[in-house]
Amino acid sequence: PVTRAADDISAGWYNNISSPESNWTLSLELTSSGVSSYNNARILDTLNSNNFQLVVDAGKFEFNIGLSPITTVTSTTDVLTGVEQKIAVTHKNGTLSIYIDGQLEDTATVNNYPAFTQGGNYQVGSRASDAALAHYGSYKNIKSTSRALTADEVKLL
C-alpha cells in the first residue's frame, strides 16, 4: 500500500479518460490515517491543469471533473479514520457516479468534460506542488478501467 503523499502511479490513465465519450471506472481502497482539516485534501489528482480529482472535503469523499463549470459528486458517507473504505467513481454516457463500499451515493451529469492534453500519471495522496493538501493513509488496489462498471460489479470490488 501507498502510505505517503505525492506518489505517482502510471496506469495508462489518460487513455481511459481522454474524451467525453470515454466510459471509465476509477476504484481504490483507502484506510485514512486522519481526516485532513483542509478542504480539498487530495486522494487522487491528475498531473494536468484540468480538474480531475478525488478529494476529501468537509469530511466527505468528493470527485471533481471539468473546468467551468465543475461537475462534482459527493459521498453521503463520512471519511473514517482507521477503517478501510472502498471508493469507486464511474463515468458512463456523460453521467458521473460515486460509490462508497459498493453503495451508490451520488450522480451528476458532466457539464464540461475537460480536454486532456498530457499523457502519463496521476498522483496519489497529493499534488507534489501542493503537498499541504495531502490526504494521508494506506492506499491499495488502485485501478482504472476503460469501461464503467455496473452497480453490481462495483459491489464486488
Protein backbone atom coordinates (compact mmCIF):
# COMPACT_ATOMS: atom_id res chain seq x y z
CA PRO A 1 0.00 0.00 0.00
CA VAL A 2 0.98 3.62 -0.54
CA THR A 3 1.41 5.25 2.85
CA ARG A 4 2.76 8.67 2.00
CA ALA A 5 1.68 11.54 -0.16
CA ALA A 6 2.79 12.51 -3.67
CA ASP A 7 3.44 9.07 -5.14
CA ASP A 8 2.96 8.87 -8.90
CA ILE A 9 1.25 5.83 -10.34
CA SER A 10 1.18 5.11 -14.03
CA ALA A 11 -1.78 3.07 -15.16
CA GLY A 12 -2.46 4.19 -18.71
CA TRP A 13 -4.92 6.52 -17.02
CA TYR A 14 -5.27 9.13 -19.76
CA ASN A 15 -6.11 6.51 -22.34
CA ASN A 16 -9.18 5.65 -20.27
CA ILE A 17 -10.47 9.19 -19.72
CA SER A 18 -9.34 11.13 -22.76
CA SER A 19 -12.72 12.19 -24.17
CA PRO A 20 -16.31 12.86 -23.10
CA GLU A 21 -17.30 9.65 -24.90
CA SER A 22 -14.94 7.68 -22.67
CA ASN A 23 -16.65 5.38 -20.21
CA TRP A 24 -14.46 4.50 -17.24
CA THR A 25 -14.21 3.45 -13.63
CA LEU A 26 -11.70 4.57 -11.02
CA SER A 27 -11.56 2.50 -7.84
CA LEU A 28 -9.37 2.18 -4.77
CA GLU A 29 -9.34 1.09 -1.16
CA LEU A 30 -8.34 3.68 1.42
CA THR A 31 -7.67 3.49 5.13
CA SER A 32 -7.29 7.10 6.25
CA SER A 33 -4.77 7.78 8.98
CA GLY A 34 -6.50 11.03 9.82
CA VAL A 35 -9.06 13.26 8.20
CA SER A 36 -7.38 16.42 6.96
CA SER A 37 -8.64 19.70 8.33
CA TYR A 38 -8.09 21.17 4.86
CA ASN A 39 -10.83 21.25 2.29
CA ASN A 40 -9.91 19.55 -0.98
CA ALA A 41 -7.26 17.27 0.57
CA ARG A 42 -6.09 15.20 -2.41
CA ILE A 43 -6.65 11.45 -2.67
CA LEU A 44 -6.02 11.22 -6.44
CA ASP A 45 -5.14 14.03 -8.79
CA THR A 46 -4.03 14.28 -12.40
CA LEU A 47 -0.78 15.98 -13.29
CA ASN A 48 -2.80 18.06 -15.68
CA SER A 49 -4.14 21.53 -15.01
CA ASN A 50 -7.64 20.26 -15.76
CA ASN A 51 -9.83 19.50 -12.79
CA PHE A 52 -9.98 15.70 -12.40
CA GLN A 53 -9.55 14.74 -8.78
CA LEU A 54 -10.80 12.69 -5.87
CA VAL A 55 -10.59 14.72 -2.67
CA VAL A 56 -11.79 14.89 0.91
CA ASP A 57 -13.92 17.97 1.53
CA ALA A 58 -15.83 18.67 4.76
CA GLY A 59 -15.27 15.08 5.87
CA LYS A 60 -16.83 13.54 2.72
CA PHE A 61 -15.37 12.00 -0.44
CA GLU A 62 -15.77 14.25 -3.47
CA PHE A 63 -14.88 13.77 -7.13
CA ASN A 64 -14.48 16.86 -9.33
CA ILE A 65 -14.21 16.96 -13.11
CA GLY A 66 -14.08 19.79 -15.62
CA LEU A 67 -13.13 23.43 -15.55
CA SER A 68 -16.02 25.85 -15.68
CA PRO A 69 -18.49 24.68 -14.63
CA ILE A 70 -17.01 21.90 -12.48
CA THR A 71 -19.11 18.78 -12.04
CA THR A 72 -18.96 17.27 -8.56
CA VAL A 73 -20.28 14.10 -6.96
CA THR A 74 -20.11 13.85 -3.16
CA SER A 75 -20.47 10.91 -0.80
CA THR A 76 -23.04 10.86 1.96
CA THR A 77 -20.70 8.59 3.93
CA ASP A 78 -18.11 10.24 6.17
CA VAL A 79 -14.40 9.64 5.64
CA LEU A 80 -13.44 7.34 8.53
CA THR A 81 -10.08 7.12 10.27
CA GLY A 82 -8.57 3.63 10.62
CA VAL A 83 -11.34 1.93 8.63
CA GLU A 84 -10.86 0.62 5.09
CA GLN A 85 -13.30 2.22 2.67
CA LYS A 86 -13.79 1.20 -0.95
CA ILE A 87 -14.32 4.12 -3.30
CA ALA A 88 -15.39 3.88 -6.93
CA VAL A 89 -16.19 6.61 -9.42
CA THR A 90 -17.72 5.80 -12.79
CA HIS A 91 -18.38 7.83 -15.93
CA LYS A 92 -20.89 6.45 -18.41
CA ASN A 93 -22.52 8.35 -21.23
CA GLY A 94 -21.99 11.71 -19.54
CA THR A 95 -23.11 10.61 -16.07
CA LEU A 96 -20.66 10.66 -13.17
CA SER A 97 -21.37 8.42 -10.14
CA ILE A 98 -19.63 7.85 -6.80
CA TYR A 99 -19.93 4.65 -4.76
CA ILE A 100 -18.66 4.03 -1.22
CA ASP A 101 -18.37 0.42 -0.06
CA GLY A 102 -20.47 -0.69 -3.03
CA GLN A 103 -23.35 1.73 -2.44
CA LEU A 104 -24.27 4.42 -4.95
CA GLU A 105 -24.18 7.76 -3.13
CA ASP A 106 -24.41 10.49 -5.79
CA THR A 107 -24.71 11.06 -9.55
CA ALA A 108 -24.40 14.11 -11.76
CA THR A 109 -24.37 14.99 -15.45
CA VAL A 110 -20.93 16.15 -16.56
CA ASN A 111 -21.31 19.72 -17.79
CA ASN A 112 -17.90 20.41 -19.30
CA TYR A 113 -15.68 17.39 -19.88
CA PRO A 114 -12.05 18.57 -19.81
CA ALA A 115 -9.69 18.19 -22.74
CA PHE A 116 -6.72 16.12 -21.61
CA THR A 117 -3.56 17.15 -23.36
CA GLN A 118 -0.91 15.47 -21.21
CA GLY A 119 -0.36 11.76 -21.01
CA GLY A 120 1.12 9.93 -18.09
CA ASN A 121 0.49 9.54 -14.44
CA TYR A 122 -1.81 10.63 -11.72
CA GLN A 123 -0.77 11.28 -8.14
CA VAL A 124 -1.88 9.54 -5.01
CA GLY A 125 -2.23 11.48 -1.76
CA SER A 126 -1.27 14.90 -3.05
CA ARG A 127 -0.15 17.01 -5.93
CA ALA A 128 3.61 17.49 -5.49
CA SER A 129 3.25 21.23 -5.99
CA ASP A 130 0.64 21.39 -3.23
CA ALA A 131 1.74 18.92 -0.53
CA ALA A 132 -0.08 20.91 2.16
CA LEU A 133 -3.29 19.42 0.78
CA ALA A 134 -2.15 15.80 1.24
CA HIS A 135 -4.55 13.15 2.45
CA TYR A 136 -2.55 10.53 4.34
CA GLY A 137 -3.50 6.91 4.65
CA SER A 138 -2.95 3.46 3.23
CA TYR A 139 -3.99 3.27 -0.42
CA LYS A 140 -4.34 -0.06 -2.21
CA ASN A 141 -5.91 -1.74 -5.23
CA ILE A 142 -5.91 1.49 -7.23
CA LYS A 143 -7.45 0.67 -10.60
CA SER A 144 -8.82 2.34 -13.66
CA THR A 145 -10.82 0.58 -16.34
CA SER A 146 -11.83 1.64 -19.81
CA ARG A 147 -15.49 0.95 -19.13
CA ALA A 148 -17.99 1.95 -16.48
CA LEU A 149 -18.60 -0.92 -14.11
CA THR A 150 -22.22 -1.70 -13.28
CA ALA A 151 -23.54 -1.21 -9.74
CA ASP A 152 -23.36 -4.99 -9.22
CA GLU A 153 -19.74 -5.08 -10.40
CA VAL A 154 -18.81 -2.17 -8.10
CA LYS A 155 -20.19 -4.17 -5.15
CA LEU A 156 -17.71 -6.93 -5.98
CA LEU A 157 -14.63 -4.69 -5.87
